[in-house]
Amino acid sequence: MRNSRTLIIAAGVICCVLGLMGVLASRVGAQDSDPDGIRAAELLEDGLDALSDHAEDSGRRLLNRVIDEYPGTAAASRAKRALVALDRGELDPESRERLKADEAERTSEYRHAFLVDVGDRVFFAENSAALGGRARNILAQQARWLIARPDLSIMVIGRADGEGNGKAIRDLSLQRAQAVRDGLVAAGLPQQRIEIKAAGDQDLVAICDSAICRAQNRNAEVLINYWHAYSGWQAGPGALGLTKSSAGTASRQLRDSGDQISQ
């Protein structure tokens, strides 16, 4: 009886193993029978990855290869839709989310490097929008840093310390933003890469009563904006004629050499 039960169990195990082998063999056979579909899917993924890395030219080449070399495949259909969306300045939700996530990460990296390398703000005397010698030196360094990274644009945010009425505070913060913009342009940075914003006494660095403490709020901050790399993007109305740049090439270089963010 015990031997019979053992034989039954062994037979059951063998049947299960053979069944699993059959399933695996069918899957392998299906893959082997459609190598074009597998290669097309791989090329499609490479093309979408290139687009998410802001390498539009490379992404287009890969998507066109999918269409030319593997017509009739599901990957070719997806590649066609992606190219049409790209030409229209649109992207499918998945690609758009990947671009947004990558862009946010790059922006954070650039802002940190900018702060560490050259500083991101200059300060002003009370009730003044005049640039001092130290501020001009900082702006010259900022301009050199930004000129070396042509895929970046900036927003200059002027602030005031809250002394005076609302309009006077806003006007002073605007004058400070304009002074920094003009200083960067004088140092060689193209004006079309610069937006300005008057923050007034909003978004203060320090909330306090003493004059020394409030002096921290008399500043203009240079905030890095990472340019959108896909077709159809245009800057907001504050920017002067920004268009799509050579962000793809710059981003490929950045991906291959991490030290280009901070030097």
C-alpha atoms as a PDB file:
ATOM      1  CA  MET A   1       0.000   0.000   0.000  1.00  0.00           C
ATOM      2  CA  ARG A   2       2.762   2.389   0.939  1.00  0.00           C
ATOM      3  CA  ASN A   3       4.620   1.630  -2.295  1.00  0.00           C
ATOM      4  CA  SER A   4       1.454   2.220  -4.324  1.00  0.00           C
ATOM      5  CA  ARG A   5       0.877   5.589  -2.647  1.00  0.00           C
ATOM      6  CA  THR A   6       4.507   6.567  -3.337  1.00  0.00           C
ATOM      7  CA  LEU A   7       4.136   5.651  -6.988  1.00  0.00           C
ATOM      8  CA  ILE A   8       0.934   7.690  -7.295  1.00  0.00           C
ATOM      9  CA  ILE A   9       2.600  10.761  -5.743  1.00  0.00           C
ATOM     10  CA  ALA A  10       5.648  10.389  -7.968  1.00  0.00           C
ATOM     11  CA  ALA A  11       3.465  10.096 -11.038  1.00  0.00           C
ATOM     12  CA  GLY A  12       1.605  13.245 -10.035  1.00  0.00           C
ATOM     13  CA  VAL A  13       4.840  15.147  -9.567  1.00  0.00           C
ATOM     14  CA  ILE A  14       6.106  13.996 -12.960  1.00  0.00           C
ATOM     15  CA  CYS A  15       2.879  15.129 -14.628  1.00  0.00           C
ATOM     16  CA  CYS A  16       3.147  18.552 -13.016  1.00  0.00           C
ATOM     17  CA  VAL A  17       6.746  18.922 -14.123  1.00  0.00           C
ATOM     18  CA  LEU A  18       5.894  17.880 -17.657  1.00  0.00           C
ATOM     19  CA  GLY A  19       3.004  20.344 -17.699  1.00  0.00           C
ATOM     20  CA  LEU A  20       5.230  23.190 -16.583  1.00  0.00           C
ATOM     21  CA  MET A  21       7.830  22.224 -19.173  1.00  0.00           C
ATOM     22  CA  GLY A  22       5.157  22.344 -21.838  1.00  0.00           C
ATOM     23  CA  VAL A  23       4.055  25.841 -20.784  1.00  0.00           C
ATOM     24  CA  LEU A  24       7.647  27.105 -20.739  1.00  0.00           C
ATOM     25  CA  ALA A  25       8.387  25.528 -24.083  1.00  0.00           C
ATOM     26  CA  SER A  26       5.338  27.169 -25.628  1.00  0.00           C
ATOM     27  CA  ARG A  27       6.389  30.560 -24.292  1.00  0.00           C
ATOM     28  CA  VAL A  28       9.952  30.150 -25.518  1.00  0.00           C
ATOM     29  CA  GLY A  29       8.653  28.941 -28.845  1.00  0.00           C
ATOM     30  CA  ALA A  30       6.379  31.988 -29.111  1.00  0.00           C
ATOM     31  CA  GLN A  31       9.293  34.289 -28.429  1.00  0.00           C
ATOM     32  CA  ASP A  32      11.532  32.463 -30.886  1.00  0.00           C
ATOM     33  CA  SER A  33       8.804  32.574 -33.510  1.00  0.00           C
ATOM     34  CA  ASP A  34       8.526  36.379 -33.337  1.00  0.00           C
ATOM     35  CA  PRO A  35      12.065  37.774 -33.009  1.00  0.00           C
ATOM     36  CA  ASP A  36      11.079  40.810 -35.062  1.00  0.00           C
ATOM     37  CA  GLY A  37       8.409  41.743 -32.561  1.00  0.00           C
ATOM     38  CA  ILE A  38      10.877  41.438 -29.700  1.00  0.00           C
ATOM     39  CA  ARG A  39      13.519  43.539 -31.443  1.00  0.00           C
ATOM     40  CA  ALA A  40      10.923  46.120 -32.474  1.00  0.00           C
ATOM     41  CA  ALA A  41       9.725  46.418 -28.868  1.00  0.00           C
ATOM     42  CA  GLU A  42      13.292  46.887 -27.676  1.00  0.00           C
ATOM     43  CA  LEU A  43      13.933  49.628 -30.251  1.00  0.00           C
ATOM     44  CA  LEU A  44      10.665  51.316 -29.312  1.00  0.00           C
ATOM     45  CA  GLU A  45      11.651  51.322 -25.651  1.00  0.00           C
ATOM     46  CA  ASP A  46      15.059  52.767 -26.536  1.00  0.00           C
ATOM     47  CA  GLY A  47      13.380  55.509 -28.561  1.00  0.00           C
ATOM     48  CA  LEU A  48      10.995  56.456 -25.754  1.00  0.00           C
ATOM     49  CA  ASP A  49      13.885  56.437 -23.281  1.00  0.00           C
ATOM     50  CA  ALA A  50      15.813  58.795 -25.547  1.00  0.00           C
ATOM     51  CA  LEU A  51      12.855  61.185 -25.623  1.00  0.00           C
ATOM     52  CA  SER A  52      12.612  61.098 -21.830  1.00  0.00           C
ATOM     53  CA  ASP A  53      16.330  61.978 -21.697  1.00  0.00           C
ATOM     54  CA  HIS A  54      15.639  65.028 -23.912  1.00  0.00           C
ATOM     55  CA  ALA A  55      17.539  63.404 -26.820  1.00  0.00           C
ATOM     56  CA  GLU A  56      14.854  64.146 -29.404  1.00  0.00           C
ATOM     57  CA  ASP A  57      16.985  63.562 -32.516  1.00  0.00           C
ATOM     58  CA  SER A  58      18.110  60.163 -31.281  1.00  0.00           C
ATOM     59  CA  GLY A  59      14.579  59.282 -30.206  1.00  0.00           C
ATOM     60  CA  ARG A  60      13.182  60.151 -33.620  1.00  0.00           C
ATOM     61  CA  ARG A  61      15.816  58.053 -35.389  1.00  0.00           C
ATOM     62  CA  LEU A  62      15.020  55.030 -33.250  1.00  0.00           C
ATOM     63  CA  LEU A  63      11.259  55.383 -33.699  1.00  0.00           C
ATOM     64  CA  ASN A  64      11.688  55.717 -37.464  1.00  0.00           C
ATOM     65  CA  ARG A  65      13.833  52.571 -37.460  1.00  0.00           C
ATOM     66  CA  VAL A  66      11.001  50.691 -35.772  1.00  0.00           C
ATOM     67  CA  ILE A  67       8.589  51.846 -38.474  1.00  0.00           C
ATOM     68  CA  ASP A  68      10.965  51.177 -41.411  1.00  0.00           C
ATOM     69  CA  GLU A  69      12.471  47.878 -40.287  1.00  0.00           C
ATOM     70  CA  TYR A  70       9.495  46.274 -38.517  1.00  0.00           C
ATOM     71  CA  PRO A  71       6.333  47.412 -40.342  1.00  0.00           C
ATOM     72  CA  GLY A  72       3.110  45.820 -39.238  1.00  0.00           C
ATOM     73  CA  THR A  73       4.216  45.217 -35.659  1.00  0.00           C
ATOM     74  CA  ALA A  74       2.470  46.651 -32.611  1.00  0.00           C
ATOM     75  CA  ALA A  75       5.688  48.509 -31.803  1.00  0.00           C
ATOM     76  CA  ALA A  76       5.622  50.202 -35.217  1.00  0.00           C
ATOM     77  CA  SER A  77       2.082  51.414 -34.565  1.00  0.00           C
ATOM     78  CA  ARG A  78       3.123  52.860 -31.223  1.00  0.00           C
ATOM     79  CA  ALA A  79       6.175  54.484 -32.817  1.00  0.00           C
ATOM     80  CA  LYS A  80       3.969  56.174 -35.428  1.00  0.00           C
ATOM     81  CA  ARG A  81       1.643  57.516 -32.742  1.00  0.00           C
ATOM     82  CA  ALA A  82       4.592  58.801 -30.708  1.00  0.00           C
ATOM     83  CA  LEU A  83       6.056  60.647 -33.720  1.00  0.00           C
ATOM     84  CA  VAL A  84       2.711  62.214 -34.578  1.00  0.00           C
ATOM     85  CA  ALA A  85       2.292  63.350 -30.979  1.00  0.00           C
ATOM     86  CA  LEU A  86       5.828  64.704 -30.962  1.00  0.00           C
ATOM     87  CA  ASP A  87       5.209  66.697 -34.160  1.00  0.00           C
ATOM     88  CA  ARG A  88       2.041  68.144 -32.662  1.00  0.00           C
ATOM     89  CA  GLY A  89       3.796  69.127 -29.468  1.00  0.00           C
ATOM     90  CA  GLU A  90       1.987  66.383 -27.591  1.00  0.00           C
ATOM     91  CA  LEU A  91       3.129  63.246 -25.836  1.00  0.00           C
ATOM     92  CA  ASP A  92       1.298  60.204 -24.575  1.00  0.00           C
ATOM     93  CA  PRO A  93       0.671  60.263 -20.800  1.00  0.00           C
ATOM     94  CA  GLU A  94       3.433  57.780 -20.001  1.00  0.00           C
ATOM     95  CA  SER A  95       6.103  59.658 -21.961  1.00  0.00           C
ATOM     96  CA  ARG A  96       4.891  63.005 -20.646  1.00  0.00           C
ATOM     97  CA  GLU A  97       5.141  61.800 -17.048  1.00  0.00           C
ATOM     98  CA  ARG A  98       8.640  60.478 -17.649  1.00  0.00           C
ATOM     99  CA  LEU A  99       9.691  63.813 -19.133  1.00  0.00           C
ATOM    100  CA  LYS A 100       8.187  65.736 -16.235  1.00  0.00           C
ATOM    101  CA  ALA A 101       9.902  63.544 -13.654  1.00  0.00           C
ATOM    102  CA  ASP A 102      13.242  63.787 -15.440  1.00  0.00           C
ATOM    103  CA  GLU A 103      12.879  67.531 -15.845  1.00  0.00           C
ATOM    104  CA  ALA A 104      12.101  68.021 -12.152  1.00  0.00           C
ATOM    105  CA  GLU A 105      15.174  65.992 -11.185  1.00  0.00           C
ATOM    106  CA  ARG A 106      17.446  67.927 -13.553  1.00  0.00           C
ATOM    107  CA  THR A 107      16.075  71.252 -12.339  1.00  0.00           C
ATOM    108  CA  SER A 108      16.784  70.319  -8.729  1.00  0.00           C
ATOM    109  CA  GLU A 109      20.337  69.261  -9.623  1.00  0.00           C
ATOM    110  CA  TYR A 110      21.009  72.468 -11.535  1.00  0.00           C
ATOM    111  CA  ARG A 111      19.622  74.688  -8.780  1.00  0.00           C
ATOM    112  CA  HIS A 112      21.765  73.014  -6.169  1.00  0.00           C
ATOM    113  CA  ALA A 113      24.898  73.233  -8.316  1.00  0.00           C
ATOM    114  CA  PHE A 114      24.214  76.889  -9.102  1.00  0.00           C
ATOM    115  CA  LEU A 115      23.815  77.712  -5.403  1.00  0.00           C
ATOM    116  CA  VAL A 116      27.010  75.894  -4.437  1.00  0.00           C
ATOM    117  CA  ASP A 117      29.124  77.148  -7.342  1.00  0.00           C
ATOM    118  CA  VAL A 118      28.226  80.838  -7.579  1.00  0.00           C
ATOM    119  CA  GLY A 119      25.374  81.612  -5.181  1.00  0.00           C
ATOM    120  CA  ASP A 120      21.769  82.221  -6.208  1.00  0.00           C
ATOM    121  CA  ARG A 121      21.058  85.739  -4.888  1.00  0.00           C
ATOM    122  CA  VAL A 122      22.418  89.220  -4.288  1.00  0.00           C
ATOM    123  CA  PHE A 123      21.467  91.715  -1.571  1.00  0.00           C
ATOM    124  CA  PHE A 124      20.623  95.409  -1.557  1.00  0.00           C
ATOM    125  CA  ALA A 125      20.845  98.351   0.781  1.00  0.00           C
ATOM    126  CA  GLU A 126      17.667  99.584   2.442  1.00  0.00           C
ATOM    127  CA  ASN A 127      15.214 101.271   0.031  1.00  0.00           C
ATOM    128  CA  SER A 128      17.694 100.804  -2.834  1.00  0.00           C
ATOM    129  CA  ALA A 129      17.886  98.843  -6.060  1.00  0.00           C
ATOM    130  CA  ALA A 130      21.498  99.803  -6.779  1.00  0.00           C
ATOM    131  CA  LEU A 131      24.009  97.012  -7.282  1.00  0.00           C
ATOM    132  CA  GLY A 132      27.136  97.190  -5.146  1.00  0.00           C
ATOM    133  CA  GLY A 133      30.562  95.919  -6.114  1.00  0.00           C
ATOM    134  CA  ARG A 134      30.088  92.547  -4.413  1.00  0.00           C
ATOM    135  CA  ALA A 135      26.710  92.074  -6.135  1.00  0.00           C
ATOM    136  CA  ARG A 136      28.213  92.860  -9.555  1.00  0.00           C
ATOM    137  CA  ASN A 137      30.985  90.339  -8.984  1.00  0.00           C
ATOM    138  CA  ILE A 138      28.433  87.661  -8.092  1.00  0.00           C
ATOM    139  CA  LEU A 139      26.377  88.466 -11.190  1.00  0.00           C
ATOM    140  CA  ALA A 140      29.452  88.167 -13.399  1.00  0.00           C
ATOM    141  CA  GLN A 141      30.115  84.692 -11.989  1.00  0.00           C
ATOM    142  CA  GLN A 142      26.468  83.715 -12.405  1.00  0.00           C
ATOM    143  CA  ALA A 143      26.487  84.896 -16.020  1.00  0.00           C
ATOM    144  CA  ARG A 144      29.601  82.831 -16.837  1.00  0.00           C
ATOM    145  CA  TRP A 145      28.035  79.766 -15.228  1.00  0.00           C
ATOM    146  CA  LEU A 146      24.817  80.178 -17.201  1.00  0.00           C
ATOM    147  CA  ILE A 147      26.527  80.986 -20.503  1.00  0.00           C
ATOM    148  CA  ALA A 148      28.335  77.637 -20.216  1.00  0.00           C
ATOM    149  CA  ARG A 149      24.930  75.911 -19.952  1.00  0.00           C
ATOM    150  CA  PRO A 150      22.840  77.231 -22.857  1.00  0.00           C
ATOM    151  CA  ASP A 151      19.935  74.839 -22.237  1.00  0.00           C
ATOM    152  CA  LEU A 152      18.956  76.766 -19.104  1.00  0.00           C
ATOM    153  CA  SER A 153      16.754  79.805 -18.611  1.00  0.00           C
ATOM    154  CA  ILE A 154      16.249  81.708 -15.374  1.00  0.00           C
ATOM    155  CA  MET A 155      13.713  83.708 -13.426  1.00  0.00           C
ATOM    156  CA  VAL A 156      14.967  86.650 -11.349  1.00  0.00           C
ATOM    157  CA  ILE A 157      12.736  87.166  -8.306  1.00  0.00           C
ATOM    158  CA  GLY A 158      13.029  90.558  -6.625  1.00  0.00           C
ATOM    159  CA  ARG A 159      12.051  90.971  -2.959  1.00  0.00           C
ATOM    160  CA  ALA A 160      11.741  93.748  -0.397  1.00  0.00           C
ATOM    161  CA  ASP A 161      11.766  93.727   3.396  1.00  0.00           C
ATOM    162  CA  GLY A 162       8.210  94.938   4.007  1.00  0.00           C
ATOM    163  CA  GLU A 163       8.921  98.546   4.950  1.00  0.00           C
ATOM    164  CA  GLY A 164       6.463 100.950   3.283  1.00  0.00           C
ATOM    165  CA  ASN A 165       3.097 100.576   1.526  1.00  0.00           C
ATOM    166  CA  GLY A 166       2.191  97.699  -0.737  1.00  0.00           C
ATOM    167  CA  LYS A 167       2.761  99.440  -4.074  1.00  0.00           C
ATOM    168  CA  ALA A 168       6.112 100.907  -2.996  1.00  0.00           C
ATOM    169  CA  ILE A 169       7.263  97.481  -1.796  1.00  0.00           C
ATOM    170  CA  ARG A 170       6.273  95.818  -5.041  1.00  0.00           C
ATOM    171  CA  ASP A 171       7.855  98.551  -7.147  1.00  0.00           C
ATOM    172  CA  LEU A 172      11.118  98.266  -5.232  1.00  0.00           C
ATOM    173  CA  SER A 173      11.189  94.488  -5.608  1.00  0.00           C
ATOM    174  CA  LEU A 174      10.591  94.886  -9.360  1.00  0.00           C
ATOM    175  CA  GLN A 175      13.426  97.426  -9.640  1.00  0.00           C
ATOM    176  CA  ARG A 176      15.750  94.975  -7.882  1.00  0.00           C
ATOM    177  CA  ALA A 177      14.801  92.169 -10.265  1.00  0.00           C
ATOM    178  CA  GLN A 178      15.365  94.489 -13.224  1.00  0.00           C
ATOM    179  CA  ALA A 179      18.750  95.563 -11.860  1.00  0.00           C
ATOM    180  CA  VAL A 180      19.889  91.942 -11.601  1.00  0.00           C
ATOM    181  CA  ARG A 181      18.596  91.151 -15.089  1.00  0.00           C
ATOM    182  CA  ASP A 182      20.440  94.154 -16.501  1.00  0.00           C
ATOM    183  CA  GLY A 183      23.602  93.148 -14.643  1.00  0.00           C
ATOM    184  CA  LEU A 184      23.477  89.624 -16.074  1.00  0.00           C
ATOM    185  CA  VAL A 185      22.872  90.965 -19.579  1.00  0.00           C
ATOM    186  CA  ALA A 186      25.792  93.360 -19.192  1.00  0.00           C
ATOM    187  CA  ALA A 187      27.916  90.342 -18.245  1.00  0.00           C
ATOM    188  CA  GLY A 188      27.002  88.591 -21.495  1.00  0.00           C
ATOM    189  CA  LEU A 189      23.885  86.519 -20.738  1.00  0.00           C
ATOM    190  CA  PRO A 190      21.247  86.845 -23.505  1.00  0.00           C
ATOM    191  CA  GLN A 191      18.189  88.719 -22.246  1.00  0.00           C
ATOM    192  CA  GLN A 192      15.773  86.271 -23.877  1.00  0.00           C
ATOM    193  CA  ARG A 193      16.844  83.670 -21.346  1.00  0.00           C
ATOM    194  CA  ILE A 194      15.682  85.804 -18.414  1.00  0.00           C
ATOM    195  CA  GLU A 195      12.255  86.299 -16.860  1.00  0.00           C
ATOM    196  CA  ILE A 196      11.657  88.661 -13.956  1.00  0.00           C
ATOM    197  CA  LYS A 197       9.147  88.617 -11.112  1.00  0.00           C
ATOM    198  CA  ALA A 198       8.332  91.136  -8.390  1.00  0.00           C
ATOM    199  CA  ALA A 199       7.578  89.226  -5.183  1.00  0.00           C
ATOM    200  CA  GLY A 200       7.229  92.312  -2.992  1.00  0.00           C
ATOM    201  CA  ASP A 201       7.327  91.274   0.653  1.00  0.00           C
ATOM    202  CA  GLN A 202       5.992  87.797  -0.078  1.00  0.00           C
ATOM    203  CA  ASP A 203       8.079  84.659   0.422  1.00  0.00           C
ATOM    204  CA  LEU A 204      10.377  86.359   2.931  1.00  0.00           C
ATOM    205  CA  VAL A 205      13.612  84.688   3.960  1.00  0.00           C
ATOM    206  CA  ALA A 206      13.236  85.882   7.571  1.00  0.00           C
ATOM    207  CA  ILE A 207      10.296  87.239   9.552  1.00  0.00           C
ATOM    208  CA  CYS A 208      11.678  89.434  12.316  1.00  0.00           C
ATOM    209  CA  ASP A 209      11.768  92.985  13.715  1.00  0.00           C
ATOM    210  CA  SER A 210      15.411  94.042  13.818  1.00  0.00           C
ATOM    211  CA  ALA A 211      16.889  95.925  10.866  1.00  0.00           C
ATOM    212  CA  ILE A 212      19.834  93.542  10.629  1.00  0.00           C
ATOM    213  CA  CYS A 213      17.527  90.558  10.441  1.00  0.00           C
ATOM    214  CA  ARG A 214      15.179  92.156   7.890  1.00  0.00           C
ATOM    215  CA  ALA A 215      18.157  92.889   5.629  1.00  0.00           C
ATOM    216  CA  GLN A 216      18.050  89.230   4.542  1.00  0.00           C
ATOM    217  CA  ASN A 217      14.795  89.994   2.726  1.00  0.00           C
ATOM    218  CA  ARG A 218      16.308  92.751   0.572  1.00  0.00           C
ATOM    219  CA  ASN A 219      17.434  90.433  -2.204  1.00  0.00           C
ATOM    220  CA  ALA A 220      16.956  89.231  -5.749  1.00  0.00           C
ATOM    221  CA  GLU A 221      17.146  85.496  -6.371  1.00  0.00           C
ATOM    222  CA  VAL A 222      18.183  83.851  -9.632  1.00  0.00           C
ATOM    223  CA  LEU A 223      16.046  80.730  -9.999  1.00  0.00           C
ATOM    224  CA  ILE A 224      17.031  78.085 -12.546  1.00  0.00           C
ATOM    225  CA  ASN A 225      14.393  76.862 -14.977  1.00  0.00           C
ATOM    226  CA  TYR A 226      15.205  73.747 -16.989  1.00  0.00           C
ATOM    227  CA  TRP A 227      14.048  74.134 -20.585  1.00  0.00           C
ATOM    228  CA  HIS A 228      11.377  71.776 -21.888  1.00  0.00           C
ATOM    229  CA  ALA A 229      12.892  69.569 -24.556  1.00  0.00           C
ATOM    230  CA  TYR A 230       9.836  68.415 -26.488  1.00  0.00           C
ATOM    231  CA  SER A 231       8.255  70.181 -29.444  1.00  0.00           C
ATOM    232  CA  GLY A 232       5.567  72.738 -28.956  1.00  0.00           C
ATOM    233  CA  TRP A 233       6.802  74.188 -25.679  1.00  0.00           C
ATOM    234  CA  GLN A 234       6.951  77.929 -25.358  1.00  0.00           C
ATOM    235  CA  ALA A 235       7.986  80.022 -22.407  1.00  0.00           C
ATOM    236  CA  GLY A 236       5.467  81.940 -20.353  1.00  0.00           C
ATOM    237  CA  PRO A 237       4.551  85.518 -21.242  1.00  0.00           C
ATOM    238  CA  GLY A 238       7.287  86.904 -19.013  1.00  0.00           C
ATOM    239  CA  ALA A 239      10.029  85.472 -21.204  1.00  0.00           C
ATOM    240  CA  LEU A 240      11.117  87.319 -24.310  1.00  0.00           C
ATOM    241  CA  GLY A 241      10.824  84.981 -27.270  1.00  0.00           C
ATOM    242  CA  LEU A 242      12.127  81.747 -25.697  1.00  0.00           C
ATOM    243  CA  THR A 243      11.949  78.808 -28.084  1.00  0.00           C
ATOM    244  CA  LYS A 244      13.060  75.193 -27.912  1.00  0.00           C
ATOM    245  CA  SER A 245      16.824  75.002 -27.517  1.00  0.00           C
ATOM    246  CA  SER A 246      19.460  72.403 -28.165  1.00  0.00           C
ATOM    247  CA  ALA A 247      18.529  70.828 -24.863  1.00  0.00           C
ATOM    248  CA  GLY A 248      18.758  67.324 -26.327  1.00  0.00           C
ATOM    249  CA  THR A 249      22.478  67.596 -27.089  1.00  0.00           C
ATOM    250  CA  ALA A 250      23.263  69.302 -23.798  1.00  0.00           C
ATOM    251  CA  SER A 251      21.305  66.714 -21.841  1.00  0.00           C
ATOM    252  CA  ARG A 252      23.048  63.820 -23.577  1.00  0.00           C
ATOM    253  CA  GLN A 253      26.363  65.368 -22.615  1.00  0.00           C
ATOM    254  CA  LEU A 254      25.088  65.807 -19.077  1.00  0.00           C
ATOM    255  CA  ARG A 255      24.012  62.188 -18.889  1.00  0.00           C
ATOM    256  CA  ASP A 256      27.408  60.981 -20.120  1.00  0.00           C
ATOM    257  CA  SER A 257      29.435  63.280 -17.888  1.00  0.00           C
ATOM    258  CA  GLY A 258      27.975  64.155 -14.501  1.00  0.00           C
ATOM    259  CA  ASP A 259      30.567  66.800 -13.766  1.00  0.00           C
ATOM    260  CA  GLN A 260      29.040  69.147 -16.352  1.00  0.00           C
ATOM    261  CA  ILE A 261      26.326  70.252 -13.919  1.00  0.00           C
ATOM    262  CA  SER A 262      28.825  71.483 -11.382  1.00  0.00           C
ATOM    263  CA  GLN A 263      32.345  72.388 -12.407  1.00  0.00           C
END
